[in-house]
Amino acid sequence: MSPAKFAVAAVAMSISLTAFGAGTHGGGHGHSAKSGEPGKASEASRSITVEMYDNYYEPEIIEVKPGETVRFVVQNKGQLVHEFNIGTPDMHEAHQKEMRMMVEHGAIQGGKLNHDMMEMDMGNGQSMNHDDPNSVLLEPGDSQEVIWTFSGKGNIEFACNVPGHYQAGMYGEVNFN
């Protein structure tokens, strides 16, 4: 890792630890009427390829229409595990706590996922499977699809909630037109 990349990573982790110390709002990371709902592939009006790098997306802004169903083809082109998660800023803030637990328990290990740890029971019938329809968590080189129907206009973004990534700028805007 180059000295410049190391410095960026160190600052991102520092900011991230400060943000985690501040606590989170209530809510979850699942889908919500605020952002939309899982879509059907047969109803997708178009496909958008989203490439995830270390720590940014291409494209950074996505334009959608209220009620539109979009197929996102998400590819991890980086060297680290990354997430593509559609939601409101409050949803992302709440989900970051869960993602931090995934790192602390060894489910996310830098550039790879420990799938056995993702099966671990977190209590209340929850695991670290990361199987919500508005989100994918990918190892480097992997690709998956998210099919999403956007509800009415709102404050929606897509983000990587792996600790430090959002704070380093790995999020993008969903604009309604």
N, C-alpha and C. Protein backbone atom coordinates (compact mmCIF):
# COMPACT_ATOMS: atom_id res chain seq x y z
N MET A 1 0.86 -1.18 0.00
CA MET A 1 0.00 0.00 0.00
C MET A 1 0.90 1.23 0.00
N SER A 2 0.57 2.18 -0.86
CA SER A 2 1.37 3.39 -0.94
C SER A 2 1.18 4.24 0.30
N PRO A 3 2.12 5.12 0.63
CA PRO A 3 1.98 5.99 1.80
C PRO A 3 0.72 6.86 1.73
N ALA A 4 0.36 7.33 0.54
CA ALA A 4 -0.84 8.17 0.40
C ALA A 4 -2.09 7.37 0.70
N LYS A 5 -2.18 6.15 0.17
CA LYS A 5 -3.36 5.30 0.44
C LYS A 5 -3.44 4.94 1.92
N PHE A 6 -2.27 4.66 2.53
CA PHE A 6 -2.24 4.34 3.94
C PHE A 6 -2.76 5.51 4.78
N ALA A 7 -2.35 6.73 4.42
CA ALA A 7 -2.80 7.92 5.15
C ALA A 7 -4.30 8.09 5.03
N VAL A 8 -4.84 7.89 3.82
CA VAL A 8 -6.29 8.01 3.63
C VAL A 8 -7.02 6.96 4.47
N ALA A 9 -6.52 5.73 4.46
CA ALA A 9 -7.16 4.66 5.24
C ALA A 9 -7.10 4.98 6.74
N ALA A 10 -5.96 5.48 7.21
CA ALA A 10 -5.82 5.82 8.63
C ALA A 10 -6.79 6.92 9.04
N VAL A 11 -6.92 7.95 8.21
CA VAL A 11 -7.86 9.04 8.51
C VAL A 11 -9.29 8.51 8.50
N ALA A 12 -9.62 7.67 7.52
CA ALA A 12 -10.98 7.12 7.43
C ALA A 12 -11.31 6.31 8.68
N MET A 13 -10.39 5.49 9.13
CA MET A 13 -10.64 4.68 10.33
C MET A 13 -10.76 5.57 11.56
N SER A 14 -9.96 6.62 11.64
CA SER A 14 -10.04 7.55 12.76
C SER A 14 -11.40 8.23 12.81
N ILE A 15 -11.84 8.71 11.65
CA ILE A 15 -13.16 9.35 11.57
C ILE A 15 -14.25 8.36 11.91
N SER A 16 -14.10 7.15 11.40
CA SER A 16 -15.10 6.12 11.62
C SER A 16 -15.23 5.79 13.10
N LEU A 17 -14.13 5.66 13.81
CA LEU A 17 -14.20 5.35 15.23
C LEU A 17 -14.87 6.48 16.00
N THR A 18 -14.61 7.73 15.61
CA THR A 18 -15.28 8.87 16.24
C THR A 18 -16.78 8.81 15.99
N ALA A 19 -17.15 8.51 14.75
CA ALA A 19 -18.57 8.44 14.41
C ALA A 19 -19.26 7.32 15.17
N PHE A 20 -18.60 6.16 15.33
CA PHE A 20 -19.22 5.05 16.04
C PHE A 20 -19.39 5.40 17.52
N GLY A 21 -18.47 6.15 18.08
CA GLY A 21 -18.57 6.55 19.47
C GLY A 21 -19.76 7.46 19.72
N ALA A 22 -20.24 8.14 18.70
CA ALA A 22 -21.36 9.06 18.86
C ALA A 22 -22.69 8.35 18.94
N GLY A 23 -22.73 7.05 18.63
CA GLY A 23 -23.97 6.31 18.69
C GLY A 23 -24.73 6.39 17.38
N THR A 24 -25.88 5.71 17.36
CA THR A 24 -26.67 5.66 16.13
C THR A 24 -28.13 5.95 16.45
N HIS A 25 -28.87 6.27 15.39
CA HIS A 25 -30.31 6.43 15.51
C HIS A 25 -30.96 5.06 15.52
N GLY A 26 -32.23 5.02 15.85
CA GLY A 26 -32.97 3.77 15.77
C GLY A 26 -33.19 3.41 14.33
N GLY A 27 -33.73 2.23 14.11
CA GLY A 27 -34.02 1.81 12.74
C GLY A 27 -33.16 0.63 12.38
N GLY A 28 -33.36 0.16 11.17
CA GLY A 28 -32.62 -1.00 10.71
C GLY A 28 -32.04 -0.76 9.36
N HIS A 29 -31.46 -1.83 8.81
CA HIS A 29 -30.83 -1.70 7.51
C HIS A 29 -31.66 -2.33 6.42
N GLY A 30 -32.76 -2.90 6.77
CA GLY A 30 -33.61 -3.53 5.77
C GLY A 30 -34.29 -2.50 4.90
N HIS A 31 -35.12 -3.00 3.99
CA HIS A 31 -35.81 -2.07 3.09
C HIS A 31 -36.93 -1.37 3.83
N SER A 32 -37.37 -0.26 3.29
CA SER A 32 -38.36 0.58 3.94
C SER A 32 -39.15 1.32 2.88
N ALA A 33 -40.38 1.70 3.23
CA ALA A 33 -41.21 2.47 2.31
C ALA A 33 -40.53 3.79 1.96
N LYS A 34 -39.61 4.24 2.81
CA LYS A 34 -38.90 5.49 2.55
C LYS A 34 -37.99 5.39 1.34
N SER A 35 -37.47 4.20 1.06
CA SER A 35 -36.53 4.06 -0.06
C SER A 35 -37.09 3.24 -1.20
N GLY A 36 -38.07 2.40 -0.93
CA GLY A 36 -38.64 1.57 -1.97
C GLY A 36 -38.83 0.16 -1.48
N GLU A 37 -38.85 -0.77 -2.44
CA GLU A 37 -39.08 -2.17 -2.10
C GLU A 37 -38.41 -3.06 -3.15
N PRO A 38 -38.23 -4.35 -2.81
CA PRO A 38 -37.64 -5.25 -3.79
C PRO A 38 -38.47 -5.24 -5.07
N GLY A 39 -37.79 -5.24 -6.20
CA GLY A 39 -38.46 -5.25 -7.49
C GLY A 39 -38.42 -6.62 -8.14
N LYS A 40 -39.18 -6.76 -9.21
CA LYS A 40 -39.19 -7.99 -10.00
C LYS A 40 -38.34 -7.76 -11.25
N ALA A 41 -37.50 -8.73 -11.57
CA ALA A 41 -36.62 -8.59 -12.73
C ALA A 41 -37.41 -8.30 -14.00
N SER A 42 -38.57 -8.91 -14.12
CA SER A 42 -39.37 -8.72 -15.33
C SER A 42 -39.92 -7.30 -15.47
N GLU A 43 -39.91 -6.54 -14.37
CA GLU A 43 -40.43 -5.17 -14.39
C GLU A 43 -39.33 -4.11 -14.46
N ALA A 44 -38.06 -4.53 -14.51
CA ALA A 44 -36.96 -3.56 -14.56
C ALA A 44 -37.00 -2.80 -15.88
N SER A 45 -36.98 -1.48 -15.79
CA SER A 45 -37.00 -0.64 -16.99
C SER A 45 -35.62 -0.53 -17.62
N ARG A 46 -34.56 -0.79 -16.82
CA ARG A 46 -33.19 -0.69 -17.32
C ARG A 46 -32.23 -1.30 -16.31
N SER A 47 -31.02 -1.50 -16.76
CA SER A 47 -29.94 -1.99 -15.90
C SER A 47 -28.89 -0.89 -15.77
N ILE A 48 -28.37 -0.76 -14.57
CA ILE A 48 -27.28 0.18 -14.30
C ILE A 48 -26.13 -0.61 -13.69
N THR A 49 -24.96 -0.54 -14.31
CA THR A 49 -23.78 -1.18 -13.75
C THR A 49 -23.15 -0.22 -12.74
N VAL A 50 -22.93 -0.72 -11.54
CA VAL A 50 -22.28 0.06 -10.48
C VAL A 50 -20.98 -0.65 -10.14
N GLU A 51 -19.87 0.06 -10.31
CA GLU A 51 -18.56 -0.47 -9.98
C GLU A 51 -18.11 0.11 -8.65
N MET A 52 -17.69 -0.79 -7.75
CA MET A 52 -17.20 -0.37 -6.43
C MET A 52 -15.68 -0.46 -6.42
N TYR A 53 -15.05 0.64 -6.07
CA TYR A 53 -13.60 0.70 -5.94
C TYR A 53 -13.29 1.00 -4.48
N ASP A 54 -12.00 1.12 -4.14
CA ASP A 54 -11.60 1.42 -2.76
C ASP A 54 -11.53 2.92 -2.58
N ASN A 55 -12.32 3.59 -2.16
CA ASN A 55 -13.59 3.80 -1.51
C ASN A 55 -14.46 4.77 -2.30
N TYR A 56 -14.89 4.37 -3.46
CA TYR A 56 -15.82 5.18 -4.23
C TYR A 56 -16.58 4.29 -5.21
N TYR A 57 -17.65 4.86 -5.72
CA TYR A 57 -18.49 4.18 -6.71
C TYR A 57 -18.37 4.87 -8.05
N GLU A 58 -18.58 4.12 -9.11
CA GLU A 58 -18.81 4.67 -10.44
C GLU A 58 -20.08 4.02 -10.95
N PRO A 59 -21.14 4.77 -11.23
CA PRO A 59 -21.26 6.22 -11.11
C PRO A 59 -21.46 6.64 -9.65
N GLU A 60 -21.30 7.94 -9.40
CA GLU A 60 -21.52 8.48 -8.05
C GLU A 60 -22.92 9.02 -7.87
N ILE A 61 -23.63 9.25 -8.97
CA ILE A 61 -25.00 9.75 -8.93
C ILE A 61 -25.85 8.90 -9.86
N ILE A 62 -27.02 8.50 -9.38
CA ILE A 62 -27.95 7.71 -10.17
C ILE A 62 -29.28 8.46 -10.24
N GLU A 63 -29.79 8.60 -11.45
CA GLU A 63 -31.08 9.28 -11.68
C GLU A 63 -32.16 8.22 -11.86
N VAL A 64 -33.27 8.34 -11.12
CA VAL A 64 -34.40 7.42 -11.25
C VAL A 64 -35.70 8.21 -11.26
N LYS A 65 -36.77 7.53 -11.65
CA LYS A 65 -38.10 8.11 -11.60
C LYS A 65 -38.85 7.47 -10.43
N PRO A 66 -39.72 8.21 -9.75
CA PRO A 66 -40.53 7.59 -8.70
C PRO A 66 -41.32 6.41 -9.29
N GLY A 67 -41.27 5.27 -8.61
CA GLY A 67 -41.97 4.08 -9.06
C GLY A 67 -41.17 3.22 -10.03
N GLU A 68 -39.99 3.69 -10.45
CA GLU A 68 -39.19 2.94 -11.42
C GLU A 68 -38.51 1.74 -10.77
N THR A 69 -38.48 0.63 -11.51
CA THR A 69 -37.75 -0.56 -11.09
C THR A 69 -36.45 -0.62 -11.88
N VAL A 70 -35.33 -0.74 -11.17
CA VAL A 70 -34.00 -0.75 -11.79
C VAL A 70 -33.27 -2.01 -11.36
N ARG A 71 -32.57 -2.60 -12.33
CA ARG A 71 -31.67 -3.73 -12.05
C ARG A 71 -30.27 -3.13 -11.92
N PHE A 72 -29.68 -3.26 -10.75
CA PHE A 72 -28.31 -2.82 -10.51
C PHE A 72 -27.39 -4.03 -10.64
N VAL A 73 -26.42 -3.95 -11.52
CA VAL A 73 -25.39 -4.98 -11.64
C VAL A 73 -24.18 -4.41 -10.91
N VAL A 74 -23.92 -4.96 -9.74
CA VAL A 74 -22.90 -4.40 -8.84
C VAL A 74 -21.64 -5.25 -8.91
N GLN A 75 -20.51 -4.60 -9.18
CA GLN A 75 -19.23 -5.28 -9.32
C GLN A 75 -18.22 -4.68 -8.36
N ASN A 76 -17.52 -5.53 -7.62
CA ASN A 76 -16.47 -5.05 -6.72
C ASN A 76 -15.14 -5.09 -7.48
N LYS A 77 -14.65 -3.91 -7.86
CA LYS A 77 -13.39 -3.77 -8.59
C LYS A 77 -12.25 -3.38 -7.65
N GLY A 78 -12.55 -3.30 -6.35
CA GLY A 78 -11.54 -2.91 -5.38
C GLY A 78 -10.77 -4.10 -4.84
N GLN A 79 -9.95 -3.84 -3.83
CA GLN A 79 -9.16 -4.88 -3.17
C GLN A 79 -9.72 -5.25 -1.81
N LEU A 80 -10.80 -4.56 -1.40
CA LEU A 80 -11.42 -4.80 -0.10
C LEU A 80 -12.86 -5.26 -0.29
N VAL A 81 -13.46 -5.83 0.74
CA VAL A 81 -14.88 -6.13 0.74
C VAL A 81 -15.64 -4.81 0.72
N HIS A 82 -16.67 -4.72 -0.13
CA HIS A 82 -17.49 -3.52 -0.21
C HIS A 82 -18.96 -3.89 -0.26
N GLU A 83 -19.78 -2.92 0.11
CA GLU A 83 -21.23 -3.08 0.14
C GLU A 83 -21.89 -2.05 -0.78
N PHE A 84 -22.97 -2.46 -1.41
CA PHE A 84 -23.87 -1.56 -2.13
C PHE A 84 -25.20 -1.68 -1.41
N ASN A 85 -25.64 -0.61 -0.77
CA ASN A 85 -26.84 -0.63 0.06
C ASN A 85 -27.67 0.61 -0.27
N ILE A 86 -28.93 0.40 -0.65
CA ILE A 86 -29.84 1.50 -0.98
C ILE A 86 -30.66 1.83 0.27
N GLY A 87 -30.67 3.11 0.68
CA GLY A 87 -31.45 3.49 1.85
C GLY A 87 -31.34 4.97 2.15
N THR A 88 -31.94 5.34 3.25
CA THR A 88 -31.87 6.73 3.71
C THR A 88 -30.60 6.90 4.55
N PRO A 89 -30.15 8.14 4.75
CA PRO A 89 -28.98 8.35 5.61
C PRO A 89 -29.17 7.74 7.01
N ASP A 90 -30.37 7.83 7.59
CA ASP A 90 -30.60 7.23 8.91
C ASP A 90 -30.47 5.71 8.88
N MET A 91 -30.95 5.09 7.79
CA MET A 91 -30.81 3.64 7.66
C MET A 91 -29.34 3.25 7.59
N HIS A 92 -28.56 4.02 6.84
CA HIS A 92 -27.12 3.71 6.74
C HIS A 92 -26.43 3.89 8.09
N GLU A 93 -26.79 4.93 8.80
CA GLU A 93 -26.18 5.16 10.11
C GLU A 93 -26.45 3.99 11.05
N ALA A 94 -27.68 3.50 11.06
CA ALA A 94 -28.02 2.36 11.92
C ALA A 94 -27.30 1.10 11.46
N HIS A 95 -27.19 0.90 10.17
CA HIS A 95 -26.57 -0.30 9.62
C HIS A 95 -25.06 -0.33 9.88
N GLN A 96 -24.43 0.82 10.02
CA GLN A 96 -22.99 0.86 10.26
C GLN A 96 -22.63 0.17 11.57
N LYS A 97 -23.50 0.24 12.56
CA LYS A 97 -23.26 -0.45 13.83
C LYS A 97 -23.21 -1.96 13.60
N GLU A 98 -24.14 -2.47 12.79
CA GLU A 98 -24.15 -3.90 12.49
C GLU A 98 -22.93 -4.32 11.69
N MET A 99 -22.52 -3.47 10.75
CA MET A 99 -21.34 -3.79 9.95
C MET A 99 -20.08 -3.79 10.82
N ARG A 100 -20.05 -2.91 11.79
CA ARG A 100 -18.91 -2.88 12.71
C ARG A 100 -18.83 -4.20 13.48
N MET A 101 -19.99 -4.72 13.88
CA MET A 101 -20.03 -6.01 14.58
C MET A 101 -19.50 -7.13 13.67
N MET A 102 -19.80 -7.04 12.36
CA MET A 102 -19.31 -8.06 11.43
C MET A 102 -17.78 -8.05 11.38
N VAL A 103 -17.17 -6.88 11.45
CA VAL A 103 -15.71 -6.79 11.47
C VAL A 103 -15.18 -7.30 12.80
N GLU A 104 -15.79 -6.86 13.90
CA GLU A 104 -15.34 -7.26 15.23
C GLU A 104 -15.41 -8.77 15.44
N HIS A 105 -16.39 -9.43 14.81
CA HIS A 105 -16.57 -10.88 14.96
C HIS A 105 -15.89 -11.68 13.86
N GLY A 106 -15.14 -11.00 12.98
CA GLY A 106 -14.37 -11.70 11.97
C GLY A 106 -15.14 -12.12 10.73
N ALA A 107 -16.37 -11.64 10.56
CA ALA A 107 -17.13 -11.98 9.35
C ALA A 107 -16.57 -11.24 8.14
N ILE A 108 -16.11 -10.00 8.35
CA ILE A 108 -15.44 -9.23 7.29
C ILE A 108 -13.98 -9.14 7.69
N GLN A 109 -13.10 -9.61 6.80
CA GLN A 109 -11.67 -9.64 7.09
C GLN A 109 -10.91 -8.95 5.96
N GLY A 110 -11.01 -7.63 5.89
CA GLY A 110 -10.30 -6.87 4.86
C GLY A 110 -10.82 -7.16 3.48
N GLY A 111 -10.13 -8.05 2.75
CA GLY A 111 -10.51 -8.37 1.38
C GLY A 111 -11.30 -9.65 1.23
N LYS A 112 -11.77 -10.24 2.35
CA LYS A 112 -12.55 -11.46 2.21
C LYS A 112 -13.63 -11.54 3.28
N LEU A 113 -14.62 -12.39 3.00
CA LEU A 113 -15.71 -12.65 3.94
C LEU A 113 -15.51 -14.03 4.56
N ASN A 114 -15.76 -14.13 5.84
CA ASN A 114 -15.75 -15.42 6.51
C ASN A 114 -17.22 -15.87 6.58
N HIS A 115 -17.63 -16.70 5.63
CA HIS A 115 -19.04 -17.09 5.52
C HIS A 115 -19.52 -17.89 6.73
N ASP A 116 -18.62 -18.64 7.37
CA ASP A 116 -19.01 -19.37 8.58
C ASP A 116 -19.39 -18.41 9.69
N MET A 117 -18.62 -17.33 9.84
CA MET A 117 -18.93 -16.34 10.88
C MET A 117 -20.22 -15.58 10.56
N MET A 118 -20.53 -15.44 9.27
CA MET A 118 -21.76 -14.73 8.89
C MET A 118 -23.00 -15.50 9.31
N GLU A 119 -22.87 -16.81 9.55
CA GLU A 119 -23.98 -17.65 10.01
C GLU A 119 -24.19 -17.54 11.51
N MET A 120 -23.25 -16.91 12.22
CA MET A 120 -23.29 -16.83 13.67
C MET A 120 -24.57 -16.16 14.16
N ASP A 121 -25.15 -16.71 15.21
CA ASP A 121 -26.36 -16.16 15.82
C ASP A 121 -26.00 -14.92 16.63
N MET A 122 -26.63 -13.79 16.27
CA MET A 122 -26.39 -12.54 16.99
C MET A 122 -27.44 -12.31 18.08
N GLY A 123 -28.34 -13.26 18.26
CA GLY A 123 -29.44 -13.10 19.21
C GLY A 123 -30.68 -12.59 18.51
N ASN A 124 -31.82 -12.76 19.13
CA ASN A 124 -33.10 -12.33 18.57
C ASN A 124 -33.34 -12.90 17.17
N GLY A 125 -32.79 -14.08 16.90
CA GLY A 125 -33.01 -14.72 15.61
C GLY A 125 -32.30 -14.07 14.44
N GLN A 126 -31.34 -13.19 14.72
CA GLN A 126 -30.61 -12.49 13.65
C GLN A 126 -29.22 -13.09 13.48
N SER A 127 -28.75 -13.05 12.24
CA SER A 127 -27.39 -13.49 11.94
C SER A 127 -26.69 -12.37 11.19
N MET A 128 -25.49 -12.64 10.73
CA MET A 128 -24.73 -11.67 9.94
C MET A 128 -24.78 -12.02 8.46
N ASN A 129 -25.83 -12.73 8.04
CA ASN A 129 -25.92 -13.21 6.65
C ASN A 129 -25.88 -12.11 5.61
N HIS A 130 -26.34 -10.94 5.96
CA HIS A 130 -26.34 -9.82 5.02
C HIS A 130 -27.12 -10.19 3.77
N ASP A 131 -28.40 -10.53 3.96
CA ASP A 131 -29.23 -11.01 2.86
C ASP A 131 -30.45 -10.13 2.60
N ASP A 132 -30.36 -8.87 2.93
CA ASP A 132 -31.48 -7.96 2.68
C ASP A 132 -31.57 -7.64 1.19
N PRO A 133 -32.77 -7.44 0.67
CA PRO A 133 -32.94 -7.24 -0.78
C PRO A 133 -32.41 -5.91 -1.31
N ASN A 134 -32.14 -4.94 -0.43
CA ASN A 134 -31.64 -3.64 -0.86
C ASN A 134 -30.12 -3.54 -0.83
N SER A 135 -29.45 -4.69 -0.67
CA SER A 135 -28.03 -4.63 -0.37
C SER A 135 -27.29 -5.88 -0.86
N VAL A 136 -26.03 -5.68 -1.27
CA VAL A 136 -25.11 -6.79 -1.51
C VAL A 136 -23.78 -6.46 -0.87
N LEU A 137 -23.11 -7.48 -0.37
CA LEU A 137 -21.79 -7.37 0.25
C LEU A 137 -20.88 -8.28 -0.55
N LEU A 138 -19.86 -7.70 -1.20
CA LEU A 138 -19.07 -8.45 -2.16
C LEU A 138 -17.57 -8.44 -1.86
N GLU A 139 -16.97 -9.60 -2.07
CA GLU A 139 -15.52 -9.71 -2.03
C GLU A 139 -14.95 -9.16 -3.33
N PRO A 140 -13.66 -8.82 -3.34
CA PRO A 140 -13.04 -8.32 -4.58
C PRO A 140 -13.27 -9.29 -5.74
N GLY A 141 -13.63 -8.73 -6.89
CA GLY A 141 -13.86 -9.52 -8.09
C GLY A 141 -15.26 -10.09 -8.24
N ASP A 142 -16.07 -10.03 -7.18
CA ASP A 142 -17.41 -10.59 -7.23
C ASP A 142 -18.42 -9.60 -7.81
N SER A 143 -19.53 -10.15 -8.27
CA SER A 143 -20.60 -9.34 -8.87
C SER A 143 -21.95 -9.97 -8.48
N GLN A 144 -22.94 -9.11 -8.20
CA GLN A 144 -24.30 -9.56 -7.91
C GLN A 144 -25.26 -8.49 -8.36
N GLU A 145 -26.55 -8.83 -8.37
CA GLU A 145 -27.58 -7.89 -8.78
C GLU A 145 -28.47 -7.51 -7.60
N VAL A 146 -28.96 -6.28 -7.66
CA VAL A 146 -30.01 -5.80 -6.77
C VAL A 146 -31.10 -5.26 -7.70
N ILE A 147 -32.32 -5.72 -7.49
CA ILE A 147 -33.44 -5.21 -8.28
C ILE A 147 -34.33 -4.46 -7.31
N TRP A 148 -34.51 -3.18 -7.58
CA TRP A 148 -35.17 -2.29 -6.62
C TRP A 148 -36.19 -1.41 -7.30
N THR A 149 -37.36 -1.29 -6.66
CA THR A 149 -38.40 -0.36 -7.11
C THR A 149 -38.39 0.82 -6.16
N PHE A 150 -38.11 2.00 -6.70
CA PHE A 150 -38.03 3.21 -5.88
C PHE A 150 -39.42 3.75 -5.63
N SER A 151 -39.69 4.12 -4.38
CA SER A 151 -40.98 4.72 -4.04
C SER A 151 -40.93 6.20 -4.45
N GLY A 152 -41.77 6.98 -3.85
CA GLY A 152 -41.78 8.41 -4.17
C GLY A 152 -40.46 9.07 -3.84
N LYS A 153 -40.38 10.32 -4.18
CA LYS A 153 -39.15 11.07 -3.96
C LYS A 153 -38.79 11.09 -2.48
N GLY A 154 -37.50 11.08 -2.21
CA GLY A 154 -37.04 11.10 -0.83
C GLY A 154 -35.54 11.29 -0.79
N ASN A 155 -34.99 11.29 0.41
CA ASN A 155 -33.55 11.45 0.61
C ASN A 155 -32.93 10.05 0.59
N ILE A 156 -32.60 9.58 -0.61
CA ILE A 156 -32.08 8.22 -0.78
C ILE A 156 -30.64 8.30 -1.28
N GLU A 157 -29.84 7.38 -0.79
CA GLU A 157 -28.46 7.27 -1.25
C GLU A 157 -28.09 5.80 -1.32
N PHE A 158 -27.00 5.50 -1.99
CA PHE A 158 -26.43 4.16 -1.94
C PHE A 158 -25.08 4.31 -1.25
N ALA A 159 -24.73 3.30 -0.45
CA ALA A 159 -23.55 3.47 0.39
C ALA A 159 -22.90 2.14 0.72
N CYS A 160 -21.62 2.24 1.07
CA CYS A 160 -20.88 1.12 1.64
C CYS A 160 -20.74 1.41 3.13
N ASN A 161 -21.30 0.52 3.94
CA ASN A 161 -21.29 0.71 5.38
C ASN A 161 -20.24 -0.12 6.11
N VAL A 162 -19.29 -0.70 5.36
CA VAL A 162 -18.15 -1.35 5.99
C VAL A 162 -17.43 -0.26 6.79
N PRO A 163 -17.02 -0.54 8.03
CA PRO A 163 -16.44 0.51 8.87
C PRO A 163 -15.37 1.35 8.16
N GLY A 164 -15.58 2.67 8.21
CA GLY A 164 -14.65 3.62 7.64
C GLY A 164 -14.92 3.98 6.19
N HIS A 165 -15.62 3.15 5.45
CA HIS A 165 -15.81 3.38 4.02
C HIS A 165 -16.77 4.54 3.75
N TYR A 166 -17.91 4.57 4.45
CA TYR A 166 -18.87 5.68 4.27
C TYR A 166 -18.18 6.99 4.66
N GLN A 167 -17.46 6.97 5.78
CA GLN A 167 -16.79 8.17 6.28
C GLN A 167 -15.69 8.64 5.32
N ALA A 168 -15.15 7.72 4.52
CA ALA A 168 -14.12 8.07 3.54
C ALA A 168 -14.74 8.55 2.23
N GLY A 169 -16.08 8.59 2.18
CA GLY A 169 -16.76 9.12 0.99
C GLY A 169 -17.38 8.08 0.09
N MET A 170 -17.51 6.83 0.55
CA MET A 170 -18.07 5.79 -0.31
C MET A 170 -19.58 5.76 -0.18
N TYR A 171 -20.20 6.74 -0.79
CA TYR A 171 -21.66 6.80 -0.91
C TYR A 171 -21.99 7.64 -2.13
N GLY A 172 -23.19 7.45 -2.63
CA GLY A 172 -23.61 8.18 -3.82
C GLY A 172 -25.06 8.62 -3.69
N GLU A 173 -25.46 9.52 -4.55
CA GLU A 173 -26.80 10.08 -4.50
C GLU A 173 -27.75 9.35 -5.44
N VAL A 174 -29.00 9.23 -5.00
CA VAL A 174 -30.09 8.80 -5.87
C VAL A 174 -30.95 10.04 -6.07
N ASN A 175 -30.98 10.54 -7.29
CA ASN A 175 -31.77 11.72 -7.61
C ASN A 175 -33.03 11.30 -8.37
N PHE A 176 -34.14 11.90 -8.00
CA PHE A 176 -35.41 11.63 -8.67
C PHE A 176 -35.66 12.68 -9.72
N ASN A 177 -36.11 12.25 -10.90
CA ASN A 177 -36.42 13.21 -11.96
C ASN A 177 -37.84 13.02 -12.46
